[in-house]
Amino acid sequence: MNAHTYEFPLLANSVAAKRILYRNGEFMPGLTGESAAPFVPEDHSLAVLREAIKQCRGCDLYKHATQAVFGEIEDKGGHKRPNVSIMMIGEQPGDREDVEGRPFVGPAGKLLDRCLKEAAIDRLEVYITNAVKHFKWEPRGKLRLHKKPSLTEIRACRPWLDAEIDAMRPSLIVCLGATSAQGLLGSNFKVTVDHGVVQQLIGLPPIIATLHPSAILRAATEEDGQRQTETLVNDLREAKRVLSSLPAAS
């Protein structure tokens, strides 16, 4: 492992948690190449970040996307800083999200909303975003098909994610799918093996990884989809349980 990677060694393996440390005591995103860092303002308020990301040129994905898609929380009360219990991180915007400029508004978002409701998690206390803020796609006739972002692109976008975490200060992070989970926990992390298990990183709240709703929608059979949906709901229930066990914020 060299100094330009951000793999995290597993130092403990218990039912309660797996303790993961940053390399040399700190997180080290890609130190060379593309990065959004020059475009991220010092002011991490959501309004400022949401405006600033429109000008992000930290990687080339902006060239083919309609717009950057920042995170959001449903805040019907109009509070300046909503009460955020959980921050959910997906992979990247899809076609619908790219057009509307909002995360998780397509079929995957609708499935996630149903699973949150079944797990008794209040959607109003969930801030939802993506590891990558621009839609990466490839043409297929008249369609724009999702294309998985590269590790370089995930690293380049990490400063925006760090700013969101700083702005929202969630009690718990839920990673939806392998891309967001590996972006935080290292490329060796396997959602299929360690989903629903609490992970700990220095400087971050507890993290739980689970399946991405879009992966469930692509399930080979209806039975597979039902089983994977149950896994997602059960992991969300575990997230709620963990959340209830955390000390109240001061």
C-alpha atoms as a PDB file:
ATOM      1  CA  MET A   1       0.000   0.000   0.000  1.00  0.00           C
ATOM      2  CA  ASN A   2       1.516   3.334  -0.979  1.00  0.00           C
ATOM      3  CA  ALA A   3       0.813   6.805   0.373  1.00  0.00           C
ATOM      4  CA  HIS A   4      -1.470   7.713  -2.500  1.00  0.00           C
ATOM      5  CA  THR A   5      -4.153   5.168  -1.661  1.00  0.00           C
ATOM      6  CA  TYR A   6      -6.812   5.156   1.025  1.00  0.00           C
ATOM      7  CA  GLU A   7      -7.163   1.567   2.070  1.00  0.00           C
ATOM      8  CA  PHE A   8      -8.153   1.004   5.703  1.00  0.00           C
ATOM      9  CA  PRO A   9      -6.804  -1.979   7.671  1.00  0.00           C
ATOM     10  CA  LEU A  10      -9.333  -3.889   9.781  1.00  0.00           C
ATOM     11  CA  LEU A  11      -7.936  -3.787  13.297  1.00  0.00           C
ATOM     12  CA  ALA A  12     -10.836  -5.487  15.058  1.00  0.00           C
ATOM     13  CA  ASN A  13     -13.607  -7.847  14.074  1.00  0.00           C
ATOM     14  CA  SER A  14     -16.509  -7.972  16.502  1.00  0.00           C
ATOM     15  CA  VAL A  15     -20.259  -8.246  16.223  1.00  0.00           C
ATOM     16  CA  ALA A  16     -20.670  -4.666  17.380  1.00  0.00           C
ATOM     17  CA  ALA A  17     -18.235  -2.989  15.003  1.00  0.00           C
ATOM     18  CA  LYS A  18     -15.112  -3.199  12.876  1.00  0.00           C
ATOM     19  CA  ARG A  19     -12.605  -0.506  13.788  1.00  0.00           C
ATOM     20  CA  ILE A  20     -10.993   0.969  10.719  1.00  0.00           C
ATOM     21  CA  LEU A  21      -8.244   3.574  10.843  1.00  0.00           C
ATOM     22  CA  TYR A  22      -7.076   6.114   8.326  1.00  0.00           C
ATOM     23  CA  ARG A  23      -3.651   5.604   6.845  1.00  0.00           C
ATOM     24  CA  ASN A  24      -1.145   7.427   9.062  1.00  0.00           C
ATOM     25  CA  GLY A  25      -4.021   8.779  11.128  1.00  0.00           C
ATOM     26  CA  GLU A  26      -5.821  10.716   8.408  1.00  0.00           C
ATOM     27  CA  PHE A  27      -7.894  10.167   5.307  1.00  0.00           C
ATOM     28  CA  MET A  28      -5.870  10.546   2.156  1.00  0.00           C
ATOM     29  CA  PRO A  29      -7.877  10.906  -1.040  1.00  0.00           C
ATOM     30  CA  GLY A  30      -6.119  10.875  -4.392  1.00  0.00           C
ATOM     31  CA  LEU A  31      -3.186  13.202  -3.985  1.00  0.00           C
ATOM     32  CA  THR A  32      -2.538  13.532  -7.690  1.00  0.00           C
ATOM     33  CA  GLY A  33      -4.729  14.190 -10.697  1.00  0.00           C
ATOM     34  CA  GLU A  34      -8.312  15.390 -10.637  1.00  0.00           C
ATOM     35  CA  SER A  35      -9.888  16.916  -7.543  1.00  0.00           C
ATOM     36  CA  ALA A  36     -12.873  19.077  -6.696  1.00  0.00           C
ATOM     37  CA  ALA A  37     -11.021  20.600  -3.738  1.00  0.00           C
ATOM     38  CA  PRO A  38     -10.270  23.950  -5.460  1.00  0.00           C
ATOM     39  CA  PHE A  39     -13.992  24.426  -6.129  1.00  0.00           C
ATOM     40  CA  VAL A  40     -15.239  23.712  -2.595  1.00  0.00           C
ATOM     41  CA  PRO A  41     -15.765  26.936  -0.596  1.00  0.00           C
ATOM     42  CA  GLU A  42     -14.679  27.330   3.021  1.00  0.00           C
ATOM     43  CA  ASP A  43     -18.287  28.073   3.958  1.00  0.00           C
ATOM     44  CA  HIS A  44     -19.945  24.661   4.248  1.00  0.00           C
ATOM     45  CA  SER A  45     -23.508  25.822   4.569  1.00  0.00           C
ATOM     46  CA  LEU A  46     -25.760  23.907   2.202  1.00  0.00           C
ATOM     47  CA  ALA A  47     -26.931  26.961   0.292  1.00  0.00           C
ATOM     48  CA  VAL A  48     -23.351  28.033  -0.435  1.00  0.00           C
ATOM     49  CA  LEU A  49     -22.210  24.514  -1.363  1.00  0.00           C
ATOM     50  CA  ARG A  50     -25.204  23.920  -3.617  1.00  0.00           C
ATOM     51  CA  GLU A  51     -24.437  27.113  -5.536  1.00  0.00           C
ATOM     52  CA  ALA A  52     -20.686  26.499  -5.710  1.00  0.00           C
ATOM     53  CA  ILE A  53     -20.961  22.982  -7.105  1.00  0.00           C
ATOM     54  CA  LYS A  54     -22.527  24.384 -10.280  1.00  0.00           C
ATOM     55  CA  GLN A  55     -19.042  25.599 -11.224  1.00  0.00           C
ATOM     56  CA  CYS A  56     -17.183  22.386 -10.323  1.00  0.00           C
ATOM     57  CA  ARG A  57     -14.665  21.205 -12.907  1.00  0.00           C
ATOM     58  CA  GLY A  58     -12.874  18.775 -10.609  1.00  0.00           C
ATOM     59  CA  CYS A  59     -13.195  15.962 -13.155  1.00  0.00           C
ATOM     60  CA  ASP A  60     -14.471  15.634 -16.716  1.00  0.00           C
ATOM     61  CA  LEU A  61     -17.922  14.258 -15.872  1.00  0.00           C
ATOM     62  CA  TYR A  62     -19.429  17.759 -15.890  1.00  0.00           C
ATOM     63  CA  LYS A  63     -18.826  17.965 -19.652  1.00  0.00           C
ATOM     64  CA  HIS A  64     -21.538  15.435 -20.478  1.00  0.00           C
ATOM     65  CA  ALA A  65     -23.971  15.943 -17.579  1.00  0.00           C
ATOM     66  CA  THR A  66     -26.918  18.326 -17.556  1.00  0.00           C
ATOM     67  CA  GLN A  67     -26.014  19.636 -14.125  1.00  0.00           C
ATOM     68  CA  ALA A  68     -24.419  18.734 -10.816  1.00  0.00           C
ATOM     69  CA  VAL A  69     -26.833  17.025  -8.433  1.00  0.00           C
ATOM     70  CA  PHE A  70     -26.224  17.967  -4.817  1.00  0.00           C
ATOM     71  CA  GLY A  71     -27.653  16.304  -1.727  1.00  0.00           C
ATOM     72  CA  GLU A  72     -30.856  17.364  -0.042  1.00  0.00           C
ATOM     73  CA  ILE A  73     -33.166  16.780   2.883  1.00  0.00           C
ATOM     74  CA  GLU A  74     -36.910  17.229   2.846  1.00  0.00           C
ATOM     75  CA  ASP A  75     -37.475  20.162   5.179  1.00  0.00           C
ATOM     76  CA  LYS A  76     -41.097  21.154   5.265  1.00  0.00           C
ATOM     77  CA  GLY A  77     -40.495  23.299   8.318  1.00  0.00           C
ATOM     78  CA  GLY A  78     -38.131  25.648   6.504  1.00  0.00           C
ATOM     79  CA  HIS A  79     -35.399  25.306   9.123  1.00  0.00           C
ATOM     80  CA  LYS A  80     -31.986  26.778   8.362  1.00  0.00           C
ATOM     81  CA  ARG A  81     -30.332  23.547   9.475  1.00  0.00           C
ATOM     82  CA  PRO A  82     -32.730  20.576   9.591  1.00  0.00           C
ATOM     83  CA  ASN A  83     -32.334  17.888  12.200  1.00  0.00           C
ATOM     84  CA  VAL A  84     -30.389  15.155  10.386  1.00  0.00           C
ATOM     85  CA  SER A  85     -30.145  11.743  11.975  1.00  0.00           C
ATOM     86  CA  ILE A  86     -28.982   9.763   8.946  1.00  0.00           C
ATOM     87  CA  MET A  87     -26.944  10.703   5.910  1.00  0.00           C
ATOM     88  CA  MET A  88     -27.455   8.291   3.002  1.00  0.00           C
ATOM     89  CA  ILE A  89     -24.836   8.143   0.270  1.00  0.00           C
ATOM     90  CA  GLY A  90     -25.544   6.546  -3.092  1.00  0.00           C
ATOM     91  CA  GLU A  91     -23.301   6.185  -6.122  1.00  0.00           C
ATOM     92  CA  GLN A  92     -24.196   8.930  -8.594  1.00  0.00           C
ATOM     93  CA  PRO A  93     -27.233  10.646 -10.116  1.00  0.00           C
ATOM     94  CA  GLY A  94     -29.194   8.709 -12.727  1.00  0.00           C
ATOM     95  CA  ASP A  95     -30.835   9.987 -15.886  1.00  0.00           C
ATOM     96  CA  ARG A  96     -33.925  11.317 -14.073  1.00  0.00           C
ATOM     97  CA  GLU A  97     -31.830  12.943 -11.350  1.00  0.00           C
ATOM     98  CA  ASP A  98     -29.578  14.574 -13.948  1.00  0.00           C
ATOM     99  CA  VAL A  99     -32.600  16.155 -15.621  1.00  0.00           C
ATOM    100  CA  GLU A 100     -34.366  17.295 -12.433  1.00  0.00           C
ATOM    101  CA  GLY A 101     -31.271  18.232 -10.446  1.00  0.00           C
ATOM    102  CA  ARG A 102     -32.362  16.274  -7.354  1.00  0.00           C
ATOM    103  CA  PRO A 103     -31.058  12.977  -5.914  1.00  0.00           C
ATOM    104  CA  PHE A 104     -33.092   9.770  -5.808  1.00  0.00           C
ATOM    105  CA  VAL A 105     -36.174  10.996  -7.662  1.00  0.00           C
ATOM    106  CA  GLY A 106     -36.299   8.088 -10.119  1.00  0.00           C
ATOM    107  CA  PRO A 107     -37.402   4.459  -9.656  1.00  0.00           C
ATOM    108  CA  ALA A 108     -34.572   3.714  -7.204  1.00  0.00           C
ATOM    109  CA  GLY A 109     -35.644   6.662  -5.075  1.00  0.00           C
ATOM    110  CA  LYS A 110     -39.228   5.462  -4.989  1.00  0.00           C
ATOM    111  CA  LEU A 111     -38.081   2.009  -3.858  1.00  0.00           C
ATOM    112  CA  LEU A 112     -35.868   3.583  -1.198  1.00  0.00           C
ATOM    113  CA  ASP A 113     -38.788   5.652   0.099  1.00  0.00           C
ATOM    114  CA  ARG A 114     -40.888   2.493   0.454  1.00  0.00           C
ATOM    115  CA  CYS A 115     -38.084   0.695   2.288  1.00  0.00           C
ATOM    116  CA  LEU A 116     -37.533   3.645   4.636  1.00  0.00           C
ATOM    117  CA  LYS A 117     -41.215   3.652   5.469  1.00  0.00           C
ATOM    118  CA  GLU A 118     -41.185  -0.090   6.131  1.00  0.00           C
ATOM    119  CA  ALA A 119     -38.150   0.337   8.395  1.00  0.00           C
ATOM    120  CA  ALA A 120     -39.966   3.138  10.265  1.00  0.00           C
ATOM    121  CA  ILE A 121     -37.325   5.736   9.406  1.00  0.00           C
ATOM    122  CA  ASP A 122     -38.591   9.290   9.062  1.00  0.00           C
ATOM    123  CA  ARG A 123     -37.632  10.547   5.604  1.00  0.00           C
ATOM    124  CA  LEU A 124     -37.618  14.093   7.008  1.00  0.00           C
ATOM    125  CA  GLU A 125     -34.578  13.209   9.125  1.00  0.00           C
ATOM    126  CA  VAL A 126     -32.571  11.745   6.242  1.00  0.00           C
ATOM    127  CA  TYR A 127     -30.095  13.739   4.165  1.00  0.00           C
ATOM    128  CA  ILE A 128     -29.504  11.928   0.876  1.00  0.00           C
ATOM    129  CA  THR A 129     -26.677  12.462  -1.567  1.00  0.00           C
ATOM    130  CA  ASN A 130     -24.254  10.635  -3.865  1.00  0.00           C
ATOM    131  CA  ALA A 131     -20.533   9.934  -3.841  1.00  0.00           C
ATOM    132  CA  VAL A 132     -20.289  11.433  -7.352  1.00  0.00           C
ATOM    133  CA  LYS A 133     -22.326  14.524  -8.226  1.00  0.00           C
ATOM    134  CA  HIS A 134     -22.486  14.309 -12.026  1.00  0.00           C
ATOM    135  CA  PHE A 135     -24.243  11.639 -14.105  1.00  0.00           C
ATOM    136  CA  LYS A 136     -21.799   9.336 -15.907  1.00  0.00           C
ATOM    137  CA  TRP A 137     -23.422   7.631 -18.856  1.00  0.00           C
ATOM    138  CA  GLU A 138     -22.930   6.023 -22.225  1.00  0.00           C
ATOM    139  CA  PRO A 139     -25.284   6.243 -25.213  1.00  0.00           C
ATOM    140  CA  ARG A 140     -27.425   3.292 -26.242  1.00  0.00           C
ATOM    141  CA  GLY A 141     -29.542   4.457 -29.125  1.00  0.00           C
ATOM    142  CA  LYS A 142     -31.590   7.360 -27.781  1.00  0.00           C
ATOM    143  CA  LEU A 143     -31.051   6.246 -24.179  1.00  0.00           C
ATOM    144  CA  ARG A 144     -28.395   7.366 -21.705  1.00  0.00           C
ATOM    145  CA  LEU A 145     -27.310   4.314 -19.758  1.00  0.00           C
ATOM    146  CA  HIS A 146     -25.630   4.491 -16.349  1.00  0.00           C
ATOM    147  CA  LYS A 147     -21.886   3.880 -16.365  1.00  0.00           C
ATOM    148  CA  LYS A 148     -20.065   3.170 -13.111  1.00  0.00           C
ATOM    149  CA  PRO A 149     -17.763   6.016 -12.027  1.00  0.00           C
ATOM    150  CA  SER A 150     -14.061   5.264 -11.767  1.00  0.00           C
ATOM    151  CA  LEU A 151     -12.065   5.351  -8.549  1.00  0.00           C
ATOM    152  CA  THR A 152     -10.373   8.509  -9.821  1.00  0.00           C
ATOM    153  CA  GLU A 153     -13.749  10.214 -10.271  1.00  0.00           C
ATOM    154  CA  ILE A 154     -14.937   9.071  -6.837  1.00  0.00           C
ATOM    155  CA  ARG A 155     -11.784  10.440  -5.239  1.00  0.00           C
ATOM    156  CA  ALA A 156     -12.044  13.683  -7.184  1.00  0.00           C
ATOM    157  CA  CYS A 157     -15.571  14.259  -5.836  1.00  0.00           C
ATOM    158  CA  ARG A 158     -14.725  13.343  -2.234  1.00  0.00           C
ATOM    159  CA  PRO A 159     -14.172  16.967  -1.079  1.00  0.00           C
ATOM    160  CA  TRP A 160     -17.856  17.712  -1.785  1.00  0.00           C
ATOM    161  CA  LEU A 161     -18.899  14.716   0.279  1.00  0.00           C
ATOM    162  CA  ASP A 162     -16.631  15.768   3.134  1.00  0.00           C
ATOM    163  CA  ALA A 163     -18.164  19.260   3.023  1.00  0.00           C
ATOM    164  CA  GLU A 164     -21.680  17.771   3.152  1.00  0.00           C
ATOM    165  CA  ILE A 165     -20.777  15.648   6.155  1.00  0.00           C
ATOM    166  CA  ASP A 166     -19.351  18.720   7.865  1.00  0.00           C
ATOM    167  CA  ALA A 167     -22.463  20.729   7.052  1.00  0.00           C
ATOM    168  CA  MET A 168     -25.003  18.134   8.189  1.00  0.00           C
ATOM    169  CA  ARG A 169     -23.067  16.404  10.998  1.00  0.00           C
ATOM    170  CA  PRO A 170     -25.223  13.276  10.839  1.00  0.00           C
ATOM    171  CA  SER A 171     -25.411  10.806  13.701  1.00  0.00           C
ATOM    172  CA  LEU A 172     -25.107   7.869  11.306  1.00  0.00           C
ATOM    173  CA  ILE A 173     -24.043   7.317   7.690  1.00  0.00           C
ATOM    174  CA  VAL A 174     -25.708   4.694   5.496  1.00  0.00           C
ATOM    175  CA  CYS A 175     -23.837   3.779   2.312  1.00  0.00           C
ATOM    176  CA  LEU A 176     -26.095   2.536  -0.465  1.00  0.00           C
ATOM    177  CA  GLY A 177     -24.167   0.135  -2.671  1.00  0.00           C
ATOM    178  CA  ALA A 178     -20.558  -0.824  -3.220  1.00  0.00           C
ATOM    179  CA  THR A 179     -19.366   2.423  -4.796  1.00  0.00           C
ATOM    180  CA  SER A 180     -20.197   4.664  -1.850  1.00  0.00           C
ATOM    181  CA  ALA A 181     -19.189   2.009   0.694  1.00  0.00           C
ATOM    182  CA  GLN A 182     -15.791   1.438  -0.887  1.00  0.00           C
ATOM    183  CA  GLY A 183     -15.302   5.175  -1.294  1.00  0.00           C
ATOM    184  CA  LEU A 184     -15.398   5.497   2.502  1.00  0.00           C
ATOM    185  CA  LEU A 185     -14.242   2.074   3.667  1.00  0.00           C
ATOM    186  CA  GLY A 186     -11.701   1.023   1.046  1.00  0.00           C
ATOM    187  CA  SER A 187     -11.826  -1.035  -2.126  1.00  0.00           C
ATOM    188  CA  ASN A 188     -11.659  -4.355  -0.271  1.00  0.00           C
ATOM    189  CA  PHE A 189     -14.953  -3.754   1.510  1.00  0.00           C
ATOM    190  CA  LYS A 190     -17.712  -6.083   0.280  1.00  0.00           C
ATOM    191  CA  VAL A 191     -21.314  -5.037   0.808  1.00  0.00           C
ATOM    192  CA  THR A 192     -22.477  -8.599   0.162  1.00  0.00           C
ATOM    193  CA  VAL A 193     -20.424  -9.799   3.147  1.00  0.00           C
ATOM    194  CA  ASP A 194     -20.551  -6.933   5.650  1.00  0.00           C
ATOM    195  CA  HIS A 195     -23.872  -5.229   4.956  1.00  0.00           C
ATOM    196  CA  GLY A 196     -25.718  -4.190   8.094  1.00  0.00           C
ATOM    197  CA  VAL A 197     -22.551  -4.284  10.243  1.00  0.00           C
ATOM    198  CA  VAL A 198     -21.436  -1.085  11.963  1.00  0.00           C
ATOM    199  CA  GLN A 199     -18.149   0.299  10.666  1.00  0.00           C
ATOM    200  CA  GLN A 200     -16.099   2.951  12.475  1.00  0.00           C
ATOM    201  CA  LEU A 201     -13.772   5.543  10.982  1.00  0.00           C
ATOM    202  CA  ILE A 202     -11.880   8.127  12.983  1.00  0.00           C
ATOM    203  CA  GLY A 203     -13.526  11.507  12.569  1.00  0.00           C
ATOM    204  CA  LEU A 204     -16.783  10.158  11.139  1.00  0.00           C
ATOM    205  CA  PRO A 205     -20.036   8.917  12.665  1.00  0.00           C
ATOM    206  CA  PRO A 206     -20.801   5.169  12.575  1.00  0.00           C
ATOM    207  CA  ILE A 207     -21.291   3.782   9.066  1.00  0.00           C
ATOM    208  CA  ILE A 208     -23.587   0.992   7.860  1.00  0.00           C
ATOM    209  CA  ALA A 209     -23.462  -0.246   4.277  1.00  0.00           C
ATOM    210  CA  THR A 210     -26.335  -1.897   2.466  1.00  0.00           C
ATOM    211  CA  LEU A 211     -27.622  -2.612  -1.033  1.00  0.00           C
ATOM    212  CA  HIS A 212     -28.369   0.135  -3.521  1.00  0.00           C
ATOM    213  CA  PRO A 213     -32.035   0.230  -4.579  1.00  0.00           C
ATOM    214  CA  SER A 214     -31.045   0.393  -8.244  1.00  0.00           C
ATOM    215  CA  ALA A 215     -29.229  -2.940  -7.894  1.00  0.00           C
ATOM    216  CA  ILE A 216     -32.439  -4.447  -6.530  1.00  0.00           C
ATOM    217  CA  LEU A 217     -34.357  -3.129  -9.528  1.00  0.00           C
ATOM    218  CA  ARG A 218     -31.874  -4.958 -11.767  1.00  0.00           C
ATOM    219  CA  ALA A 219     -32.319  -8.279  -9.963  1.00  0.00           C
ATOM    220  CA  ALA A 220     -32.372 -11.273 -12.308  1.00  0.00           C
ATOM    221  CA  THR A 221     -35.632 -12.696 -10.947  1.00  0.00           C
ATOM    222  CA  GLU A 222     -38.590 -11.465  -8.944  1.00  0.00           C
ATOM    223  CA  GLU A 223     -37.557 -13.761  -6.092  1.00  0.00           C
ATOM    224  CA  ASP A 224     -34.060 -12.238  -6.054  1.00  0.00           C
ATOM    225  CA  GLY A 225     -35.573  -8.771  -5.980  1.00  0.00           C
ATOM    226  CA  GLN A 226     -37.819  -9.642  -3.065  1.00  0.00           C
ATOM    227  CA  ARG A 227     -34.954 -11.175  -1.125  1.00  0.00           C
ATOM    228  CA  GLN A 228     -32.700  -8.186  -1.751  1.00  0.00           C
ATOM    229  CA  THR A 229     -35.466  -5.782  -0.764  1.00  0.00           C
ATOM    230  CA  GLU A 230     -35.814  -7.653   2.530  1.00  0.00           C
ATOM    231  CA  THR A 231     -32.063  -7.298   3.041  1.00  0.00           C
ATOM    232  CA  LEU A 232     -32.239  -3.549   2.455  1.00  0.00           C
ATOM    233  CA  VAL A 233     -35.177  -3.140   4.838  1.00  0.00           C
ATOM    234  CA  ASN A 234     -33.481  -5.256   7.521  1.00  0.00           C
ATOM    235  CA  ASP A 235     -30.265  -3.228   7.202  1.00  0.00           C
ATOM    236  CA  LEU A 236     -32.264  -0.011   7.514  1.00  0.00           C
ATOM    237  CA  ARG A 237     -33.939  -1.404  10.627  1.00  0.00           C
ATOM    238  CA  GLU A 238     -30.486  -2.134  12.030  1.00  0.00           C
ATOM    239  CA  ALA A 239     -29.485   1.443  11.219  1.00  0.00           C
ATOM    240  CA  LYS A 240     -32.504   2.673  13.168  1.00  0.00           C
ATOM    241  CA  ARG A 241     -31.596   0.417  16.086  1.00  0.00           C
ATOM    242  CA  VAL A 242     -27.995   1.667  16.099  1.00  0.00           C
ATOM    243  CA  LEU A 243     -29.226   5.234  15.869  1.00  0.00           C
ATOM    244  CA  SER A 244     -31.433   4.788  18.920  1.00  0.00           C
ATOM    245  CA  SER A 245     -28.470   3.433  20.899  1.00  0.00           C
ATOM    246  CA  LEU A 246     -26.224   6.426  20.219  1.00  0.00           C
ATOM    247  CA  PRO A 247     -25.817   9.168  22.822  1.00  0.00           C
ATOM    248  CA  ALA A 248     -28.091  12.141  22.250  1.00  0.00           C
ATOM    249  CA  ALA A 249     -26.371  15.045  20.525  1.00  0.00           C
ATOM    250  CA  SER A 250     -25.521  17.897  22.875  1.00  0.00           C
END
